[in-house]
Amino acid sequence: MTRRADLGARRAGRILNLLELAAPDASTWPKVDVDALVARVLEVAEDQRRLERSRVEMMRAYAETERCRAEFLVGYFGERVERCGVCDTCRAGTAPPPVDEAAAPFVLQSRVRHDDFGTGVVTDLESDRVTVLFDAVGYRTLALDVVEGQGLLVPA
């Protein structure tokens, strides 16, 4: 296939992976509207690009945070950990106190829905913001006062 389409193996593999994500039942491919399938493949590819960009933004936030780096990193995966006491922010004394989860407006790992971003999972809570991994657009960190004031997140 790669020679016939004049594509490298890596690019051909990426296209096949996108086809599999866009239309998992390969037996329907010959019967499907090609234009609709191409549109769906492009949509899936854009969703993946958005997710990758959001991951890069999360790593930038990690580099710029004043929180305990261990707390931030574990929060990225939706878990909690006590401050490490050895990272640069802990040693500098700039890490803010951890959030009281009992008083938090959202529960870690709970599913939520946003009108624009769709459904997602709460992965991190801070005193003034919540981070959600949305299925379609990746990670978004939202200001709690805006989220609560406008009712932007509801249980899914």
N, C-alpha and C. Protein backbone atom coordinates (compact mmCIF):
# COMPACT_ATOMS: atom_id res chain seq x y z
N MET A 1 0.82 -1.19 0.00
CA MET A 1 0.00 0.00 0.00
C MET A 1 0.87 1.26 0.00
N THR A 2 1.98 1.22 0.73
CA THR A 2 2.80 2.43 0.85
C THR A 2 3.38 2.84 -0.49
N ARG A 3 3.82 1.86 -1.31
CA ARG A 3 4.37 2.20 -2.63
C ARG A 3 3.28 2.71 -3.56
N ARG A 4 2.15 2.06 -3.52
CA ARG A 4 1.05 2.43 -4.42
C ARG A 4 0.54 3.84 -4.12
N ALA A 5 0.48 4.20 -2.87
CA ALA A 5 -0.01 5.53 -2.48
C ALA A 5 1.11 6.55 -2.40
N ASP A 6 2.36 6.11 -2.64
CA ASP A 6 3.53 6.98 -2.55
C ASP A 6 3.63 7.62 -1.16
N LEU A 7 3.43 6.78 -0.14
CA LEU A 7 3.53 7.21 1.25
C LEU A 7 4.58 6.37 1.95
N GLY A 8 5.22 6.97 2.94
CA GLY A 8 6.13 6.20 3.77
C GLY A 8 5.34 5.29 4.69
N ALA A 9 6.00 4.29 5.24
CA ALA A 9 5.33 3.33 6.12
C ALA A 9 4.72 4.00 7.34
N ARG A 10 5.42 4.97 7.89
CA ARG A 10 4.92 5.65 9.09
C ARG A 10 3.64 6.43 8.79
N ARG A 11 3.64 7.18 7.69
CA ARG A 11 2.47 7.96 7.33
C ARG A 11 1.29 7.06 6.98
N ALA A 12 1.56 5.98 6.23
CA ALA A 12 0.50 5.03 5.89
C ALA A 12 -0.08 4.41 7.16
N GLY A 13 0.78 4.07 8.10
CA GLY A 13 0.32 3.51 9.37
C GLY A 13 -0.54 4.49 10.14
N ARG A 14 -0.13 5.75 10.15
CA ARG A 14 -0.92 6.79 10.84
C ARG A 14 -2.30 6.93 10.20
N ILE A 15 -2.37 6.89 8.87
CA ILE A 15 -3.65 7.00 8.19
C ILE A 15 -4.53 5.79 8.51
N LEU A 16 -3.94 4.61 8.52
CA LEU A 16 -4.71 3.42 8.86
C LEU A 16 -5.21 3.46 10.30
N ASN A 17 -4.38 3.96 11.20
CA ASN A 17 -4.82 4.11 12.60
C ASN A 17 -5.99 5.09 12.70
N LEU A 18 -5.91 6.20 11.96
CA LEU A 18 -7.01 7.16 11.96
C LEU A 18 -8.28 6.56 11.37
N LEU A 19 -8.12 5.77 10.31
CA LEU A 19 -9.28 5.08 9.73
C LEU A 19 -9.91 4.15 10.75
N GLU A 20 -9.08 3.43 11.48
CA GLU A 20 -9.59 2.50 12.50
C GLU A 20 -10.35 3.25 13.59
N LEU A 21 -9.85 4.42 13.99
CA LEU A 21 -10.53 5.22 15.01
C LEU A 21 -11.82 5.82 14.46
N ALA A 22 -11.79 6.24 13.21
CA ALA A 22 -12.96 6.89 12.60
C ALA A 22 -14.07 5.89 12.27
N ALA A 23 -13.70 4.71 11.83
CA ALA A 23 -14.66 3.68 11.44
C ALA A 23 -14.11 2.33 11.86
N PRO A 24 -14.31 1.96 13.14
CA PRO A 24 -13.68 0.75 13.67
C PRO A 24 -14.04 -0.54 12.94
N ASP A 25 -15.21 -0.60 12.33
CA ASP A 25 -15.63 -1.82 11.64
C ASP A 25 -15.17 -1.76 10.19
N ALA A 26 -14.00 -2.34 9.92
CA ALA A 26 -13.41 -2.26 8.58
C ALA A 26 -14.27 -2.91 7.52
N SER A 27 -15.17 -3.81 7.91
CA SER A 27 -16.02 -4.46 6.91
C SER A 27 -16.98 -3.48 6.26
N THR A 28 -17.21 -2.32 6.89
CA THR A 28 -18.12 -1.33 6.31
C THR A 28 -17.40 -0.34 5.39
N TRP A 29 -16.07 -0.36 5.37
CA TRP A 29 -15.32 0.62 4.58
C TRP A 29 -15.71 0.62 3.10
N PRO A 30 -15.84 -0.53 2.46
CA PRO A 30 -16.19 -0.47 1.03
C PRO A 30 -17.58 0.12 0.77
N LYS A 31 -18.46 0.08 1.76
CA LYS A 31 -19.83 0.53 1.59
C LYS A 31 -20.04 1.97 2.05
N VAL A 32 -19.05 2.57 2.65
CA VAL A 32 -19.22 3.88 3.26
C VAL A 32 -19.00 5.00 2.24
N ASP A 33 -19.62 6.12 2.51
CA ASP A 33 -19.42 7.32 1.70
C ASP A 33 -17.98 7.81 1.94
N VAL A 34 -17.17 7.81 0.93
CA VAL A 34 -15.75 8.14 1.06
C VAL A 34 -15.58 9.56 1.60
N ASP A 35 -16.35 10.51 1.10
CA ASP A 35 -16.23 11.89 1.58
C ASP A 35 -16.55 11.98 3.07
N ALA A 36 -17.57 11.24 3.51
CA ALA A 36 -17.93 11.25 4.93
C ALA A 36 -16.83 10.60 5.77
N LEU A 37 -16.25 9.53 5.25
CA LEU A 37 -15.17 8.85 5.97
C LEU A 37 -13.94 9.75 6.08
N VAL A 38 -13.59 10.43 4.99
CA VAL A 38 -12.45 11.35 5.02
C VAL A 38 -12.71 12.47 6.01
N ALA A 39 -13.93 13.01 6.01
CA ALA A 39 -14.27 14.07 6.97
C ALA A 39 -14.13 13.57 8.40
N ARG A 40 -14.57 12.35 8.66
CA ARG A 40 -14.46 11.78 10.01
C ARG A 40 -13.00 11.55 10.39
N VAL A 41 -12.19 11.07 9.45
CA VAL A 41 -10.76 10.87 9.71
C VAL A 41 -10.10 12.20 10.06
N LEU A 42 -10.43 13.25 9.31
CA LEU A 42 -9.86 14.57 9.60
C LEU A 42 -10.31 15.08 10.96
N GLU A 43 -11.55 14.80 11.33
CA GLU A 43 -12.06 15.20 12.64
C GLU A 43 -11.30 14.47 13.76
N VAL A 44 -11.09 13.19 13.59
CA VAL A 44 -10.34 12.40 14.58
C VAL A 44 -8.90 12.91 14.68
N ALA A 45 -8.29 13.21 13.54
CA ALA A 45 -6.92 13.73 13.54
C ALA A 45 -6.84 15.07 14.28
N GLU A 46 -7.81 15.93 14.07
CA GLU A 46 -7.83 17.23 14.76
C GLU A 46 -8.04 17.04 16.26
N ASP A 47 -8.91 16.11 16.65
CA ASP A 47 -9.10 15.81 18.07
C ASP A 47 -7.79 15.36 18.70
N GLN A 48 -7.04 14.53 18.00
CA GLN A 48 -5.76 14.06 18.52
C GLN A 48 -4.75 15.21 18.63
N ARG A 49 -4.75 16.11 17.66
CA ARG A 49 -3.84 17.27 17.72
C ARG A 49 -4.19 18.16 18.91
N ARG A 50 -5.50 18.37 19.14
CA ARG A 50 -5.92 19.19 20.30
C ARG A 50 -5.47 18.54 21.60
N LEU A 51 -5.62 17.23 21.69
CA LEU A 51 -5.19 16.53 22.90
C LEU A 51 -3.69 16.67 23.11
N GLU A 52 -2.92 16.51 22.06
CA GLU A 52 -1.47 16.66 22.17
C GLU A 52 -1.08 18.08 22.58
N ARG A 53 -1.74 19.09 22.00
CA ARG A 53 -1.46 20.48 22.40
C ARG A 53 -1.79 20.70 23.86
N SER A 54 -2.90 20.11 24.33
CA SER A 54 -3.27 20.29 25.74
C SER A 54 -2.25 19.63 26.65
N ARG A 55 -1.68 18.52 26.22
CA ARG A 55 -0.64 17.87 27.02
C ARG A 55 0.61 18.74 27.10
N VAL A 56 0.97 19.37 26.01
CA VAL A 56 2.11 20.29 26.01
C VAL A 56 1.83 21.46 26.97
N GLU A 57 0.61 21.98 26.93
CA GLU A 57 0.24 23.07 27.84
C GLU A 57 0.32 22.63 29.30
N MET A 58 -0.06 21.41 29.57
CA MET A 58 0.04 20.91 30.95
C MET A 58 1.51 20.81 31.38
N MET A 59 2.39 20.43 30.48
CA MET A 59 3.80 20.36 30.84
C MET A 59 4.37 21.76 31.04
N ARG A 60 3.89 22.72 30.27
CA ARG A 60 4.29 24.11 30.49
C ARG A 60 3.82 24.57 31.88
N ALA A 61 2.58 24.22 32.22
CA ALA A 61 2.06 24.58 33.54
C ALA A 61 2.90 23.93 34.64
N TYR A 62 3.35 22.71 34.42
CA TYR A 62 4.22 22.03 35.39
C TYR A 62 5.50 22.82 35.60
N ALA A 63 6.07 23.29 34.51
CA ALA A 63 7.33 24.05 34.60
C ALA A 63 7.13 25.38 35.32
N GLU A 64 5.93 25.95 35.20
CA GLU A 64 5.68 27.29 35.75
C GLU A 64 4.98 27.27 37.11
N THR A 65 4.58 26.11 37.61
CA THR A 65 3.80 26.06 38.83
C THR A 65 4.61 26.45 40.06
N GLU A 66 3.89 26.95 41.04
CA GLU A 66 4.49 27.18 42.35
C GLU A 66 4.07 26.09 43.32
N ARG A 67 3.22 25.19 42.87
CA ARG A 67 2.80 24.06 43.69
C ARG A 67 3.94 23.06 43.84
N CYS A 68 3.79 22.16 44.77
CA CYS A 68 4.72 21.05 44.91
C CYS A 68 4.71 20.30 43.58
N ARG A 69 5.86 20.05 43.03
CA ARG A 69 5.93 19.42 41.71
C ARG A 69 5.40 17.98 41.75
N ALA A 70 5.66 17.26 42.82
CA ALA A 70 5.12 15.91 42.93
C ALA A 70 3.59 15.96 42.99
N GLU A 71 3.06 16.90 43.75
CA GLU A 71 1.61 17.06 43.86
C GLU A 71 1.01 17.39 42.48
N PHE A 72 1.66 18.27 41.74
CA PHE A 72 1.18 18.65 40.41
C PHE A 72 1.21 17.45 39.46
N LEU A 73 2.34 16.74 39.46
CA LEU A 73 2.51 15.63 38.53
C LEU A 73 1.52 14.50 38.82
N VAL A 74 1.34 14.16 40.07
CA VAL A 74 0.39 13.12 40.42
C VAL A 74 -1.03 13.60 40.14
N GLY A 75 -1.29 14.91 40.33
CA GLY A 75 -2.60 15.48 40.00
C GLY A 75 -2.91 15.36 38.52
N TYR A 76 -1.90 15.44 37.69
CA TYR A 76 -2.08 15.27 36.24
C TYR A 76 -2.74 13.93 35.94
N PHE A 77 -2.44 12.93 36.75
CA PHE A 77 -3.01 11.60 36.56
C PHE A 77 -4.25 11.38 37.41
N GLY A 78 -4.74 12.45 38.06
CA GLY A 78 -5.99 12.36 38.80
C GLY A 78 -5.87 11.76 40.19
N GLU A 79 -4.70 11.80 40.76
CA GLU A 79 -4.48 11.25 42.09
C GLU A 79 -3.99 12.35 43.02
N ARG A 80 -3.93 12.03 44.30
CA ARG A 80 -3.44 12.96 45.31
C ARG A 80 -2.23 12.36 46.00
N VAL A 81 -1.31 13.24 46.40
CA VAL A 81 -0.14 12.82 47.16
C VAL A 81 0.21 13.97 48.10
N GLU A 82 0.81 13.62 49.21
CA GLU A 82 1.30 14.65 50.13
C GLU A 82 2.48 15.37 49.51
N ARG A 83 2.71 16.58 49.93
CA ARG A 83 3.88 17.32 49.43
C ARG A 83 5.14 16.51 49.64
N CYS A 84 6.02 16.63 48.66
CA CYS A 84 7.26 15.84 48.72
C CYS A 84 8.28 16.44 49.69
N GLY A 85 8.29 17.77 49.80
CA GLY A 85 9.24 18.42 50.68
C GLY A 85 10.64 18.57 50.10
N VAL A 86 10.89 18.03 48.92
CA VAL A 86 12.24 18.07 48.37
C VAL A 86 12.33 18.78 47.01
N CYS A 87 11.20 19.06 46.37
CA CYS A 87 11.28 19.75 45.07
C CYS A 87 11.62 21.22 45.29
N ASP A 88 11.89 21.94 44.22
CA ASP A 88 12.31 23.33 44.34
C ASP A 88 11.25 24.21 44.98
N THR A 89 9.96 23.98 44.70
CA THR A 89 8.92 24.84 45.27
C THR A 89 8.71 24.54 46.75
N CYS A 90 8.81 23.27 47.12
CA CYS A 90 8.70 22.92 48.55
C CYS A 90 9.86 23.53 49.33
N ARG A 91 11.07 23.39 48.78
CA ARG A 91 12.25 23.95 49.46
C ARG A 91 12.19 25.47 49.55
N ALA A 92 11.63 26.11 48.51
CA ALA A 92 11.54 27.57 48.51
C ALA A 92 10.38 28.07 49.38
N GLY A 93 9.49 27.17 49.77
CA GLY A 93 8.35 27.57 50.60
C GLY A 93 7.25 28.27 49.82
N THR A 94 7.23 28.14 48.50
CA THR A 94 6.21 28.82 47.68
C THR A 94 4.98 27.95 47.42
N ALA A 95 5.06 26.66 47.73
CA ALA A 95 3.93 25.77 47.47
C ALA A 95 2.76 26.13 48.37
N PRO A 96 1.59 26.42 47.76
CA PRO A 96 0.42 26.75 48.57
C PRO A 96 -0.10 25.52 49.30
N PRO A 97 -0.92 25.73 50.33
CA PRO A 97 -1.46 24.57 51.06
C PRO A 97 -2.35 23.73 50.15
N PRO A 98 -2.40 22.41 50.39
CA PRO A 98 -3.24 21.55 49.56
C PRO A 98 -4.72 21.89 49.74
N VAL A 99 -5.51 21.54 48.73
CA VAL A 99 -6.95 21.79 48.76
C VAL A 99 -7.63 20.79 49.68
N ASP A 100 -8.59 21.27 50.46
CA ASP A 100 -9.42 20.39 51.29
C ASP A 100 -10.45 19.75 50.37
N GLU A 101 -10.23 18.49 50.04
CA GLU A 101 -11.10 17.82 49.07
C GLU A 101 -12.54 17.71 49.56
N ALA A 102 -12.73 17.64 50.87
CA ALA A 102 -14.09 17.53 51.40
C ALA A 102 -14.90 18.80 51.11
N ALA A 103 -14.22 19.94 51.03
CA ALA A 103 -14.90 21.20 50.77
C ALA A 103 -14.87 21.59 49.30
N ALA A 104 -14.20 20.81 48.48
CA ALA A 104 -14.06 21.13 47.06
C ALA A 104 -15.39 20.92 46.32
N PRO A 105 -15.64 21.75 45.31
CA PRO A 105 -16.90 21.63 44.58
C PRO A 105 -16.96 20.44 43.62
N PHE A 106 -15.82 19.82 43.35
CA PHE A 106 -15.76 18.67 42.45
C PHE A 106 -14.96 17.56 43.09
N VAL A 107 -15.23 16.34 42.70
CA VAL A 107 -14.53 15.18 43.23
C VAL A 107 -13.55 14.70 42.17
N LEU A 108 -12.32 14.40 42.58
CA LEU A 108 -11.33 13.85 41.65
C LEU A 108 -11.88 12.60 40.98
N GLN A 109 -11.60 12.47 39.70
CA GLN A 109 -12.00 11.34 38.88
C GLN A 109 -13.50 11.28 38.60
N SER A 110 -14.24 12.36 38.95
CA SER A 110 -15.67 12.38 38.62
C SER A 110 -15.84 12.85 37.18
N ARG A 111 -16.88 12.37 36.53
CA ARG A 111 -17.20 12.76 35.16
C ARG A 111 -18.04 14.03 35.21
N VAL A 112 -17.68 14.97 34.35
CA VAL A 112 -18.41 16.24 34.25
C VAL A 112 -18.69 16.55 32.78
N ARG A 113 -19.59 17.50 32.57
CA ARG A 113 -19.91 17.92 31.20
C ARG A 113 -19.87 19.44 31.12
N HIS A 114 -19.32 19.93 30.02
CA HIS A 114 -19.23 21.35 29.71
C HIS A 114 -19.91 21.54 28.37
N ASP A 115 -20.69 22.60 28.21
CA ASP A 115 -21.45 22.80 26.97
C ASP A 115 -20.56 22.88 25.74
N ASP A 116 -19.39 23.48 25.85
CA ASP A 116 -18.51 23.63 24.69
C ASP A 116 -17.50 22.50 24.55
N PHE A 117 -16.97 22.00 25.67
CA PHE A 117 -15.90 21.02 25.63
C PHE A 117 -16.39 19.57 25.68
N GLY A 118 -17.64 19.35 26.02
CA GLY A 118 -18.18 17.99 26.11
C GLY A 118 -17.94 17.37 27.48
N THR A 119 -17.83 16.04 27.49
CA THR A 119 -17.65 15.34 28.76
C THR A 119 -16.17 15.12 29.05
N GLY A 120 -15.87 15.00 30.34
CA GLY A 120 -14.49 14.78 30.75
C GLY A 120 -14.41 14.30 32.18
N VAL A 121 -13.17 14.15 32.65
CA VAL A 121 -12.89 13.66 33.99
C VAL A 121 -12.09 14.71 34.74
N VAL A 122 -12.50 15.01 35.97
CA VAL A 122 -11.76 15.95 36.82
C VAL A 122 -10.45 15.27 37.22
N THR A 123 -9.33 15.89 36.83
CA THR A 123 -8.03 15.29 37.14
C THR A 123 -7.27 16.03 38.24
N ASP A 124 -7.62 17.30 38.50
CA ASP A 124 -6.87 18.04 39.51
C ASP A 124 -7.72 19.16 40.07
N LEU A 125 -7.52 19.44 41.34
CA LEU A 125 -8.21 20.52 42.03
C LEU A 125 -7.19 21.40 42.73
N GLU A 126 -7.34 22.69 42.55
CA GLU A 126 -6.56 23.66 43.31
C GLU A 126 -7.55 24.59 43.98
N SER A 127 -7.07 25.48 44.82
CA SER A 127 -7.98 26.35 45.54
C SER A 127 -8.78 27.25 44.62
N ASP A 128 -8.21 27.60 43.46
CA ASP A 128 -8.89 28.54 42.57
C ASP A 128 -9.17 27.99 41.18
N ARG A 129 -8.85 26.73 40.93
CA ARG A 129 -9.07 26.17 39.59
C ARG A 129 -9.28 24.67 39.63
N VAL A 130 -9.85 24.18 38.55
CA VAL A 130 -10.08 22.75 38.36
C VAL A 130 -9.54 22.38 36.99
N THR A 131 -8.89 21.23 36.91
CA THR A 131 -8.40 20.74 35.62
C THR A 131 -9.20 19.51 35.24
N VAL A 132 -9.67 19.53 33.98
CA VAL A 132 -10.50 18.44 33.47
C VAL A 132 -9.87 17.92 32.19
N LEU A 133 -9.82 16.60 32.05
CA LEU A 133 -9.41 15.98 30.80
C LEU A 133 -10.68 15.70 30.02
N PHE A 134 -10.97 16.56 29.04
CA PHE A 134 -12.16 16.40 28.22
C PHE A 134 -11.88 15.40 27.10
N ASP A 135 -12.87 14.57 26.81
CA ASP A 135 -12.71 13.51 25.81
C ASP A 135 -12.32 14.07 24.45
N ALA A 136 -12.92 15.18 24.04
CA ALA A 136 -12.71 15.68 22.69
C ALA A 136 -11.60 16.73 22.57
N VAL A 137 -11.34 17.49 23.63
CA VAL A 137 -10.41 18.62 23.48
C VAL A 137 -9.19 18.54 24.38
N GLY A 138 -9.09 17.49 25.19
CA GLY A 138 -7.93 17.35 26.05
C GLY A 138 -8.06 18.09 27.36
N TYR A 139 -6.93 18.43 27.95
CA TYR A 139 -6.90 19.08 29.26
C TYR A 139 -7.30 20.54 29.17
N ARG A 140 -8.12 20.95 30.10
CA ARG A 140 -8.47 22.36 30.24
C ARG A 140 -8.45 22.69 31.73
N THR A 141 -7.77 23.78 32.08
CA THR A 141 -7.76 24.26 33.45
C THR A 141 -8.68 25.46 33.50
N LEU A 142 -9.69 25.39 34.36
CA LEU A 142 -10.74 26.39 34.41
C LEU A 142 -10.78 27.07 35.78
N ALA A 143 -11.04 28.36 35.79
CA ALA A 143 -11.14 29.12 37.03
C ALA A 143 -12.41 28.70 37.77
N LEU A 144 -12.26 28.32 39.04
CA LEU A 144 -13.40 27.84 39.81
C LEU A 144 -14.48 28.89 39.98
N ASP A 145 -14.08 30.16 40.19
CA ASP A 145 -15.12 31.18 40.39
C ASP A 145 -15.99 31.33 39.14
N VAL A 146 -15.40 31.23 37.97
CA VAL A 146 -16.17 31.32 36.72
C VAL A 146 -17.01 30.06 36.53
N VAL A 147 -16.41 28.90 36.75
CA VAL A 147 -17.12 27.63 36.60
C VAL A 147 -18.34 27.59 37.50
N GLU A 148 -18.15 27.95 38.76
CA GLU A 148 -19.26 27.91 39.70
C GLU A 148 -20.26 29.05 39.45
N GLY A 149 -19.76 30.23 39.16
CA GLY A 149 -20.65 31.38 38.94
C GLY A 149 -21.54 31.21 37.73
N GLN A 150 -21.03 30.54 36.70
CA GLN A 150 -21.81 30.37 35.47
C GLN A 150 -22.32 28.96 35.28
N GLY A 151 -22.07 28.09 36.24
CA GLY A 151 -22.54 26.71 36.14
C GLY A 151 -22.00 25.98 34.93
N LEU A 152 -20.70 26.17 34.64
CA LEU A 152 -20.11 25.62 33.42
C LEU A 152 -19.90 24.11 33.45
N LEU A 153 -19.74 23.53 34.62
CA LEU A 153 -19.53 22.09 34.72
C LEU A 153 -20.67 21.47 35.51
N VAL A 154 -21.21 20.41 34.95
CA VAL A 154 -22.27 19.67 35.65
C VAL A 154 -21.89 18.19 35.63
N PRO A 155 -22.37 17.43 36.62
CA PRO A 155 -22.06 16.00 36.60
C PRO A 155 -22.54 15.36 35.29
N ALA A 156 -21.74 14.44 34.78
CA ALA A 156 -22.10 13.76 33.52
C ALA A 156 -22.74 12.43 33.79
